[in-house]
Amino acid sequence: MITLNVNIDHVATVRNARGGNEPDPVTAALQAELAGASGIVCHLREDRRHVNDRDLKLLRELVTGKLDLEMAANEEIIKIALKTLPDMVTIVPEKRKELTTEGGLDVASGLAKFKKLTSRMHDKNIFVSFFVEPDEKQIEAVCKAGGDMVELHTGVYANAKNEKSLLKELGRIEKATQFAEKSGLKIAAGHGLNYSNTQPIARIIGIHELSIGHSIISRAVFVGIESAVKEMLAIIHKSSIHGLLKNISGKVK
């Protein structure tokens, strides 16, 4: 069964817009867990535009499920991760002026650096994931770097302008999932997923986790975090069961 990790960065973004204390992303994380989320995701950026050091400290103390720290391969943030000890780190590209992460990390071009980073995290028993494009070259590089998981970038799929482009990208994600699974990696997927487009991704056999933030927090404005999380979980569970039954049916034939 595919699990859901909820990214609470955008709760922090709303708080930071006024420079005050509300809404508290830590409270949002705890509510998401109570609603059934298996993990909480936060991105501690170099400029702290989302969560800050205080948030991360409290999240580590209070989150009972998986705490996934998204981070760039930045030495300051690496040291914070090694001190805070999240359950998992997801290594992502980071640009100062981007509104959100704009694409997958080029692991292949920085293999030596990422291999060293993975080793440092493993020394502290921190699980390591890399956020990459659904591309075999990058997945191979994650294996060489010693990574435990890939999170496949679904942004191109989410932004597809027509059915042909959408189906093409969906096929690419499915093929990459199969390749990553054969390579011994766990597989997550995320970026741009919402209540309308998550279903086909959740039907892909081999994906273990989905990381979703913006659409859930946006939905929560109208229905609350508990309902927003439960609605997404219902979509994921129904879709993943459908995918499993379809896979079994195909094997029987």
C-alpha atoms as a PDB file:
ATOM      1  CA  MET A   1       0.000   0.000   0.000  1.00  0.00           C
ATOM      2  CA  ILE A   2       1.309   3.452  -0.900  1.00  0.00           C
ATOM      3  CA  THR A   3       1.797   5.785   2.048  1.00  0.00           C
ATOM      4  CA  LEU A   4       1.390   9.564   2.164  1.00  0.00           C
ATOM      5  CA  ASN A   5       3.979  12.045   3.389  1.00  0.00           C
ATOM      6  CA  VAL A   6       2.574  15.547   3.873  1.00  0.00           C
ATOM      7  CA  ASN A   7       4.807  18.543   3.186  1.00  0.00           C
ATOM      8  CA  ILE A   8       4.002  21.374   5.614  1.00  0.00           C
ATOM      9  CA  ASP A   9       6.287  24.030   4.066  1.00  0.00           C
ATOM     10  CA  HIS A  10       3.423  26.161   2.783  1.00  0.00           C
ATOM     11  CA  VAL A  11       1.953  26.539   6.244  1.00  0.00           C
ATOM     12  CA  ALA A  12       5.269  28.119   7.185  1.00  0.00           C
ATOM     13  CA  THR A  13       5.115  30.283   4.055  1.00  0.00           C
ATOM     14  CA  VAL A  14       1.799  31.783   5.195  1.00  0.00           C
ATOM     15  CA  ARG A  15       3.218  32.390   8.668  1.00  0.00           C
ATOM     16  CA  ASN A  16       6.342  34.017   7.315  1.00  0.00           C
ATOM     17  CA  ALA A  17       4.319  36.390   5.121  1.00  0.00           C
ATOM     18  CA  ARG A  18       3.320  38.302   8.256  1.00  0.00           C
ATOM     19  CA  GLY A  19       6.455  37.620  10.288  1.00  0.00           C
ATOM     20  CA  GLY A  20       4.458  36.266  13.222  1.00  0.00           C
ATOM     21  CA  ASN A  21       3.772  32.895  14.788  1.00  0.00           C
ATOM     22  CA  GLU A  22       0.590  31.834  12.989  1.00  0.00           C
ATOM     23  CA  PRO A  23      -0.187  29.425  11.482  1.00  0.00           C
ATOM     24  CA  ASP A  24       2.254  27.040  13.141  1.00  0.00           C
ATOM     25  CA  PRO A  25       3.616  24.394  10.721  1.00  0.00           C
ATOM     26  CA  VAL A  26       4.368  22.090  13.646  1.00  0.00           C
ATOM     27  CA  THR A  27       0.695  22.061  14.648  1.00  0.00           C
ATOM     28  CA  ALA A  28      -0.192  21.361  11.020  1.00  0.00           C
ATOM     29  CA  ALA A  29       2.217  18.410  10.988  1.00  0.00           C
ATOM     30  CA  LEU A  30       0.681  16.879  14.100  1.00  0.00           C
ATOM     31  CA  GLN A  31      -2.835  17.290  12.698  1.00  0.00           C
ATOM     32  CA  ALA A  32      -1.739  15.644   9.441  1.00  0.00           C
ATOM     33  CA  GLU A  33      -0.361  12.688  11.382  1.00  0.00           C
ATOM     34  CA  LEU A  34      -3.560  12.337  13.382  1.00  0.00           C
ATOM     35  CA  ALA A  35      -5.475  12.290  10.090  1.00  0.00           C
ATOM     36  CA  GLY A  36      -3.426   9.334   8.846  1.00  0.00           C
ATOM     37  CA  ALA A  37      -0.305  10.719   7.164  1.00  0.00           C
ATOM     38  CA  SER A  38       2.604   8.299   7.532  1.00  0.00           C
ATOM     39  CA  GLY A  39       5.245  10.982   7.302  1.00  0.00           C
ATOM     40  CA  ILE A  40       5.934  14.687   7.460  1.00  0.00           C
ATOM     41  CA  VAL A  41       8.135  16.512   4.956  1.00  0.00           C
ATOM     42  CA  CYS A  42       9.794  19.884   5.398  1.00  0.00           C
ATOM     43  CA  HIS A  43      12.413  21.723   3.343  1.00  0.00           C
ATOM     44  CA  LEU A  44      14.954  23.654   5.366  1.00  0.00           C
ATOM     45  CA  ARG A  45      16.256  26.049   2.755  1.00  0.00           C
ATOM     46  CA  GLU A  46      19.421  28.089   3.051  1.00  0.00           C
ATOM     47  CA  ASP A  47      17.326  31.286   3.160  1.00  0.00           C
ATOM     48  CA  ARG A  48      14.732  29.744   5.568  1.00  0.00           C
ATOM     49  CA  ARG A  49      11.837  30.901   3.381  1.00  0.00           C
ATOM     50  CA  HIS A  50       9.723  27.966   4.578  1.00  0.00           C
ATOM     51  CA  VAL A  51      10.391  26.175   7.855  1.00  0.00           C
ATOM     52  CA  ASN A  52      13.113  27.446  10.177  1.00  0.00           C
ATOM     53  CA  ASP A  53      15.468  25.864  12.681  1.00  0.00           C
ATOM     54  CA  ARG A  54      12.924  26.117  15.500  1.00  0.00           C
ATOM     55  CA  ASP A  55      10.334  24.291  13.403  1.00  0.00           C
ATOM     56  CA  LEU A  56      12.736  21.477  12.546  1.00  0.00           C
ATOM     57  CA  LYS A  57      13.764  21.026  16.180  1.00  0.00           C
ATOM     58  CA  LEU A  58      10.140  20.744  17.325  1.00  0.00           C
ATOM     59  CA  LEU A  59       9.201  18.491  14.426  1.00  0.00           C
ATOM     60  CA  ARG A  60      11.989  16.096  15.403  1.00  0.00           C
ATOM     61  CA  GLU A  61      10.736  16.067  18.993  1.00  0.00           C
ATOM     62  CA  LEU A  62       7.020  15.681  18.220  1.00  0.00           C
ATOM     63  CA  VAL A  63       6.527  13.826  14.928  1.00  0.00           C
ATOM     64  CA  THR A  64       5.853  10.164  15.641  1.00  0.00           C
ATOM     65  CA  GLY A  65       5.948   8.895  12.042  1.00  0.00           C
ATOM     66  CA  LYS A  66       8.656   9.460   9.463  1.00  0.00           C
ATOM     67  CA  LEU A  67      10.308  12.883   9.401  1.00  0.00           C
ATOM     68  CA  ASP A  68      11.719  13.608   5.953  1.00  0.00           C
ATOM     69  CA  LEU A  69      14.033  16.610   5.721  1.00  0.00           C
ATOM     70  CA  GLU A  70      14.339  17.952   2.188  1.00  0.00           C
ATOM     71  CA  MET A  71      17.660  19.708   1.772  1.00  0.00           C
ATOM     72  CA  ALA A  72      20.296  20.829  -0.670  1.00  0.00           C
ATOM     73  CA  ALA A  73      23.834  19.479  -0.484  1.00  0.00           C
ATOM     74  CA  ASN A  74      24.793  22.580   1.480  1.00  0.00           C
ATOM     75  CA  GLU A  75      27.331  22.134   4.281  1.00  0.00           C
ATOM     76  CA  GLU A  76      25.397  24.266   6.779  1.00  0.00           C
ATOM     77  CA  ILE A  77      22.219  22.251   6.221  1.00  0.00           C
ATOM     78  CA  ILE A  78      24.130  18.952   6.193  1.00  0.00           C
ATOM     79  CA  LYS A  79      25.504  19.710   9.659  1.00  0.00           C
ATOM     80  CA  ILE A  80      22.009  20.603  10.907  1.00  0.00           C
ATOM     81  CA  ALA A  81      20.675  17.299   9.556  1.00  0.00           C
ATOM     82  CA  LEU A  82      23.456  15.318  11.234  1.00  0.00           C
ATOM     83  CA  LYS A  83      22.654  17.041  14.527  1.00  0.00           C
ATOM     84  CA  THR A  84      18.844  16.869  14.253  1.00  0.00           C
ATOM     85  CA  LEU A  85      18.713  13.255  13.018  1.00  0.00           C
ATOM     86  CA  PRO A  86      15.582  13.142  10.843  1.00  0.00           C
ATOM     87  CA  ASP A  87      14.484   9.659   9.821  1.00  0.00           C
ATOM     88  CA  MET A  88      15.263  10.488   6.209  1.00  0.00           C
ATOM     89  CA  VAL A  89      16.793  13.221   4.116  1.00  0.00           C
ATOM     90  CA  THR A  90      15.760  13.892   0.548  1.00  0.00           C
ATOM     91  CA  ILE A  91      18.496  15.637  -1.388  1.00  0.00           C
ATOM     92  CA  VAL A  92      17.070  18.203  -3.803  1.00  0.00           C
ATOM     93  CA  PRO A  93      18.415  20.943  -6.073  1.00  0.00           C
ATOM     94  CA  GLU A  94      17.945  24.435  -4.723  1.00  0.00           C
ATOM     95  CA  LYS A  95      17.973  27.871  -6.340  1.00  0.00           C
ATOM     96  CA  ARG A  96      17.548  31.071  -4.364  1.00  0.00           C
ATOM     97  CA  LYS A  97      14.975  32.693  -6.664  1.00  0.00           C
ATOM     98  CA  GLU A  98      12.797  29.663  -7.442  1.00  0.00           C
ATOM     99  CA  LEU A  99       9.272  29.584  -6.024  1.00  0.00           C
ATOM    100  CA  THR A 100       9.496  25.835  -5.586  1.00  0.00           C
ATOM    101  CA  THR A 101      11.904  23.077  -6.622  1.00  0.00           C
ATOM    102  CA  GLU A 102      12.007  23.250 -10.407  1.00  0.00           C
ATOM    103  CA  GLY A 103      13.286  19.823 -11.394  1.00  0.00           C
ATOM    104  CA  GLY A 104      15.254  16.760 -10.424  1.00  0.00           C
ATOM    105  CA  LEU A 105      18.765  16.734  -9.015  1.00  0.00           C
ATOM    106  CA  ASP A 106      21.666  15.921 -11.361  1.00  0.00           C
ATOM    107  CA  VAL A 107      23.227  13.199  -9.235  1.00  0.00           C
ATOM    108  CA  ALA A 108      25.320  11.837 -12.101  1.00  0.00           C
ATOM    109  CA  SER A 109      27.306  15.064 -12.476  1.00  0.00           C
ATOM    110  CA  GLY A 110      28.191  15.278  -8.790  1.00  0.00           C
ATOM    111  CA  LEU A 111      28.607  11.634  -7.943  1.00  0.00           C
ATOM    112  CA  ALA A 112      31.665  11.927  -5.677  1.00  0.00           C
ATOM    113  CA  LYS A 113      30.040  14.705  -3.629  1.00  0.00           C
ATOM    114  CA  PHE A 114      26.771  12.851  -3.227  1.00  0.00           C
ATOM    115  CA  LYS A 115      28.507   9.590  -2.364  1.00  0.00           C
ATOM    116  CA  LYS A 116      30.305  11.344   0.482  1.00  0.00           C
ATOM    117  CA  LEU A 117      27.084  12.992   1.661  1.00  0.00           C
ATOM    118  CA  THR A 118      25.277   9.636   1.691  1.00  0.00           C
ATOM    119  CA  SER A 119      28.077   8.068   3.715  1.00  0.00           C
ATOM    120  CA  ARG A 120      27.899  10.847   6.316  1.00  0.00           C
ATOM    121  CA  MET A 121      24.141  10.368   6.667  1.00  0.00           C
ATOM    122  CA  HIS A 122      24.417   6.596   6.898  1.00  0.00           C
ATOM    123  CA  ASP A 123      26.979   6.979   9.701  1.00  0.00           C
ATOM    124  CA  LYS A 124      24.100   8.527  11.686  1.00  0.00           C
ATOM    125  CA  ASN A 125      21.588   5.895  10.506  1.00  0.00           C
ATOM    126  CA  ILE A 126      19.726   8.443   8.362  1.00  0.00           C
ATOM    127  CA  PHE A 127      17.944   7.007   5.315  1.00  0.00           C
ATOM    128  CA  VAL A 128      18.889   8.846   2.096  1.00  0.00           C
ATOM    129  CA  SER A 129      16.639   9.665  -0.846  1.00  0.00           C
ATOM    130  CA  PHE A 130      17.447  11.654  -3.982  1.00  0.00           C
ATOM    131  CA  PHE A 131      14.865  13.726  -5.846  1.00  0.00           C
ATOM    132  CA  VAL A 132      15.503  12.982  -9.534  1.00  0.00           C
ATOM    133  CA  GLU A 133      13.874  12.993 -12.933  1.00  0.00           C
ATOM    134  CA  PRO A 134      12.405   9.625 -14.035  1.00  0.00           C
ATOM    135  CA  ASP A 135      15.615   8.903 -15.931  1.00  0.00           C
ATOM    136  CA  GLU A 136      17.681   5.708 -15.834  1.00  0.00           C
ATOM    137  CA  LYS A 137      20.990   7.588 -15.869  1.00  0.00           C
ATOM    138  CA  GLN A 138      20.077   9.473 -12.695  1.00  0.00           C
ATOM    139  CA  ILE A 139      18.681   6.369 -11.010  1.00  0.00           C
ATOM    140  CA  GLU A 140      21.908   4.521 -11.744  1.00  0.00           C
ATOM    141  CA  ALA A 141      23.818   7.435 -10.226  1.00  0.00           C
ATOM    142  CA  VAL A 142      21.712   7.238  -7.052  1.00  0.00           C
ATOM    143  CA  CYS A 143      22.696   3.579  -6.724  1.00  0.00           C
ATOM    144  CA  LYS A 144      26.367   4.439  -7.207  1.00  0.00           C
ATOM    145  CA  ALA A 145      26.062   7.188  -4.596  1.00  0.00           C
ATOM    146  CA  GLY A 146      24.724   4.656  -2.115  1.00  0.00           C
ATOM    147  CA  GLY A 147      21.212   6.097  -1.926  1.00  0.00           C
ATOM    148  CA  ASP A 148      18.363   4.115  -0.402  1.00  0.00           C
ATOM    149  CA  MET A 149      15.493   5.685  -2.333  1.00  0.00           C
ATOM    150  CA  VAL A 150      14.605   7.827  -5.310  1.00  0.00           C
ATOM    151  CA  GLU A 151      11.782  10.321  -5.310  1.00  0.00           C
ATOM    152  CA  LEU A 152      10.692  10.649  -8.918  1.00  0.00           C
ATOM    153  CA  HIS A 153       9.870  14.179 -10.028  1.00  0.00           C
ATOM    154  CA  THR A 154       6.252  14.299 -11.222  1.00  0.00           C
ATOM    155  CA  GLY A 155       6.223  17.984 -12.123  1.00  0.00           C
ATOM    156  CA  VAL A 156       6.412  17.432 -15.876  1.00  0.00           C
ATOM    157  CA  TYR A 157       3.487  15.022 -15.642  1.00  0.00           C
ATOM    158  CA  ALA A 158       1.493  17.455 -13.476  1.00  0.00           C
ATOM    159  CA  ASN A 159       2.094  20.325 -15.905  1.00  0.00           C
ATOM    160  CA  ALA A 160       1.299  18.379 -19.096  1.00  0.00           C
ATOM    161  CA  LYS A 161      -0.803  20.500 -21.458  1.00  0.00           C
ATOM    162  CA  ASN A 162      -2.523  17.684 -23.324  1.00  0.00           C
ATOM    163  CA  GLU A 163      -3.371  14.010 -23.010  1.00  0.00           C
ATOM    164  CA  LYS A 164      -0.567  12.885 -25.316  1.00  0.00           C
ATOM    165  CA  SER A 165       2.093  14.638 -23.230  1.00  0.00           C
ATOM    166  CA  LEU A 166       0.521  13.401 -19.993  1.00  0.00           C
ATOM    167  CA  LEU A 167       0.463   9.769 -21.112  1.00  0.00           C
ATOM    168  CA  LYS A 168       4.022  10.003 -22.407  1.00  0.00           C
ATOM    169  CA  GLU A 169       5.287  11.293 -19.057  1.00  0.00           C
ATOM    170  CA  LEU A 170       3.210   8.787 -17.123  1.00  0.00           C
ATOM    171  CA  GLY A 171       4.845   6.028 -19.151  1.00  0.00           C
ATOM    172  CA  ARG A 172       8.276   7.475 -18.399  1.00  0.00           C
ATOM    173  CA  ILE A 173       7.511   7.475 -14.667  1.00  0.00           C
ATOM    174  CA  GLU A 174       6.256   3.892 -14.803  1.00  0.00           C
ATOM    175  CA  LYS A 175       9.358   2.741 -16.693  1.00  0.00           C
ATOM    176  CA  ALA A 176      11.639   4.556 -14.237  1.00  0.00           C
ATOM    177  CA  THR A 177       9.796   2.959 -11.314  1.00  0.00           C
ATOM    178  CA  GLN A 178      10.388  -0.508 -12.735  1.00  0.00           C
ATOM    179  CA  PHE A 179      14.074   0.277 -13.312  1.00  0.00           C
ATOM    180  CA  ALA A 180      14.538   1.676  -9.799  1.00  0.00           C
ATOM    181  CA  GLU A 181      12.798  -1.332  -8.278  1.00  0.00           C
ATOM    182  CA  LYS A 182      15.066  -3.731 -10.166  1.00  0.00           C
ATOM    183  CA  SER A 183      18.019  -1.668  -8.947  1.00  0.00           C
ATOM    184  CA  GLY A 184      17.026  -2.339  -5.343  1.00  0.00           C
ATOM    185  CA  LEU A 185      15.825   1.161  -4.486  1.00  0.00           C
ATOM    186  CA  LYS A 186      12.641   2.187  -2.717  1.00  0.00           C
ATOM    187  CA  ILE A 187      10.553   4.569  -4.802  1.00  0.00           C
ATOM    188  CA  ALA A 188       8.636   7.705  -3.913  1.00  0.00           C
ATOM    189  CA  ALA A 189       7.041  10.263  -6.205  1.00  0.00           C
ATOM    190  CA  GLY A 190       6.092  13.863  -5.806  1.00  0.00           C
ATOM    191  CA  HIS A 191       5.775  17.428  -7.059  1.00  0.00           C
ATOM    192  CA  GLY A 192       2.634  19.015  -8.443  1.00  0.00           C
ATOM    193  CA  LEU A 193       0.377  16.153  -7.378  1.00  0.00           C
ATOM    194  CA  ASN A 194      -3.171  17.148  -6.460  1.00  0.00           C
ATOM    195  CA  TYR A 195      -6.680  15.767  -6.025  1.00  0.00           C
ATOM    196  CA  SER A 196      -7.167  15.525  -9.791  1.00  0.00           C
ATOM    197  CA  ASN A 197      -3.923  13.980 -11.019  1.00  0.00           C
ATOM    198  CA  THR A 198      -2.679  11.724  -8.190  1.00  0.00           C
ATOM    199  CA  GLN A 199      -4.774   8.698  -9.124  1.00  0.00           C
ATOM    200  CA  PRO A 200      -2.733   7.509 -12.166  1.00  0.00           C
ATOM    201  CA  ILE A 201       0.540   7.874 -10.227  1.00  0.00           C
ATOM    202  CA  ALA A 202      -0.834   5.941  -7.247  1.00  0.00           C
ATOM    203  CA  ARG A 203      -1.790   3.087  -9.579  1.00  0.00           C
ATOM    204  CA  ILE A 204       1.821   2.475 -10.604  1.00  0.00           C
ATOM    205  CA  ILE A 205       3.064  -0.758  -9.068  1.00  0.00           C
ATOM    206  CA  GLY A 206       6.383  -0.235  -7.288  1.00  0.00           C
ATOM    207  CA  ILE A 207       5.841   3.262  -5.909  1.00  0.00           C
ATOM    208  CA  HIS A 208       5.941   3.097  -2.110  1.00  0.00           C
ATOM    209  CA  GLU A 209       5.329   6.693  -1.050  1.00  0.00           C
ATOM    210  CA  LEU A 210       3.847   9.939  -2.320  1.00  0.00           C
ATOM    211  CA  SER A 211       5.062  13.317  -1.097  1.00  0.00           C
ATOM    212  CA  ILE A 212       2.337  15.954  -1.418  1.00  0.00           C
ATOM    213  CA  GLY A 213       2.160  19.405   0.115  1.00  0.00           C
ATOM    214  CA  HIS A 214       0.793  22.417  -1.724  1.00  0.00           C
ATOM    215  CA  SER A 215      -2.505  20.888  -2.845  1.00  0.00           C
ATOM    216  CA  ILE A 216      -3.253  19.456   0.605  1.00  0.00           C
ATOM    217  CA  ILE A 217      -2.504  22.743   2.378  1.00  0.00           C
ATOM    218  CA  SER A 218      -4.572  24.608  -0.231  1.00  0.00           C
ATOM    219  CA  ARG A 219      -7.485  22.235   0.296  1.00  0.00           C
ATOM    220  CA  ALA A 220      -7.095  22.591   4.062  1.00  0.00           C
ATOM    221  CA  VAL A 221      -7.905  26.303   3.806  1.00  0.00           C
ATOM    222  CA  PHE A 222     -11.484  25.264   2.964  1.00  0.00           C
ATOM    223  CA  VAL A 223     -12.009  21.965   4.790  1.00  0.00           C
ATOM    224  CA  GLY A 224      -9.281  21.779   7.441  1.00  0.00           C
ATOM    225  CA  ILE A 225      -6.122  19.668   7.506  1.00  0.00           C
ATOM    226  CA  GLU A 226      -7.809  16.531   8.829  1.00  0.00           C
ATOM    227  CA  SER A 227     -10.339  16.381   5.997  1.00  0.00           C
ATOM    228  CA  ALA A 228      -7.782  17.413   3.366  1.00  0.00           C
ATOM    229  CA  VAL A 229      -5.416  14.608   4.367  1.00  0.00           C
ATOM    230  CA  LYS A 230      -8.172  12.013   4.608  1.00  0.00           C
ATOM    231  CA  GLU A 231      -9.510  12.954   1.174  1.00  0.00           C
ATOM    232  CA  MET A 232      -6.062  12.489  -0.359  1.00  0.00           C
ATOM    233  CA  LEU A 233      -5.542   9.196   1.473  1.00  0.00           C
ATOM    234  CA  ALA A 234      -8.838   7.912   0.090  1.00  0.00           C
ATOM    235  CA  ILE A 235      -7.686   8.686  -3.458  1.00  0.00           C
ATOM    236  CA  ILE A 236      -4.315   7.018  -2.887  1.00  0.00           C
ATOM    237  CA  HIS A 237      -5.687   3.890  -1.247  1.00  0.00           C
ATOM    238  CA  LYS A 238      -8.416   3.351  -3.827  1.00  0.00           C
ATOM    239  CA  SER A 239      -5.953   3.897  -6.686  1.00  0.00           C
ATOM    240  CA  SER A 240      -3.194   1.691  -5.274  1.00  0.00           C
ATOM    241  CA  ILE A 241      -5.652  -1.178  -4.678  1.00  0.00           C
ATOM    242  CA  HIS A 242      -6.903  -0.770  -8.264  1.00  0.00           C
ATOM    243  CA  GLY A 243      -3.326  -0.916  -9.538  1.00  0.00           C
ATOM    244  CA  LEU A 244      -2.554  -4.007  -7.456  1.00  0.00           C
ATOM    245  CA  LEU A 245      -5.678  -5.851  -8.640  1.00  0.00           C
ATOM    246  CA  LYS A 246      -4.918  -4.929 -12.251  1.00  0.00           C
ATOM    247  CA  ASN A 247      -1.384  -6.268 -11.832  1.00  0.00           C
ATOM    248  CA  ILE A 248      -2.618  -9.529 -10.334  1.00  0.00           C
ATOM    249  CA  SER A 249      -5.225  -9.889 -13.069  1.00  0.00           C
ATOM    250  CA  GLY A 250      -2.565  -9.364 -15.720  1.00  0.00           C
ATOM    251  CA  LYS A 251      -0.343 -12.068 -14.210  1.00  0.00           C
ATOM    252  CA  VAL A 252      -3.228 -14.547 -14.017  1.00  0.00           C
ATOM    253  CA  LYS A 253      -3.955 -14.054 -17.704  1.00  0.00           C
END
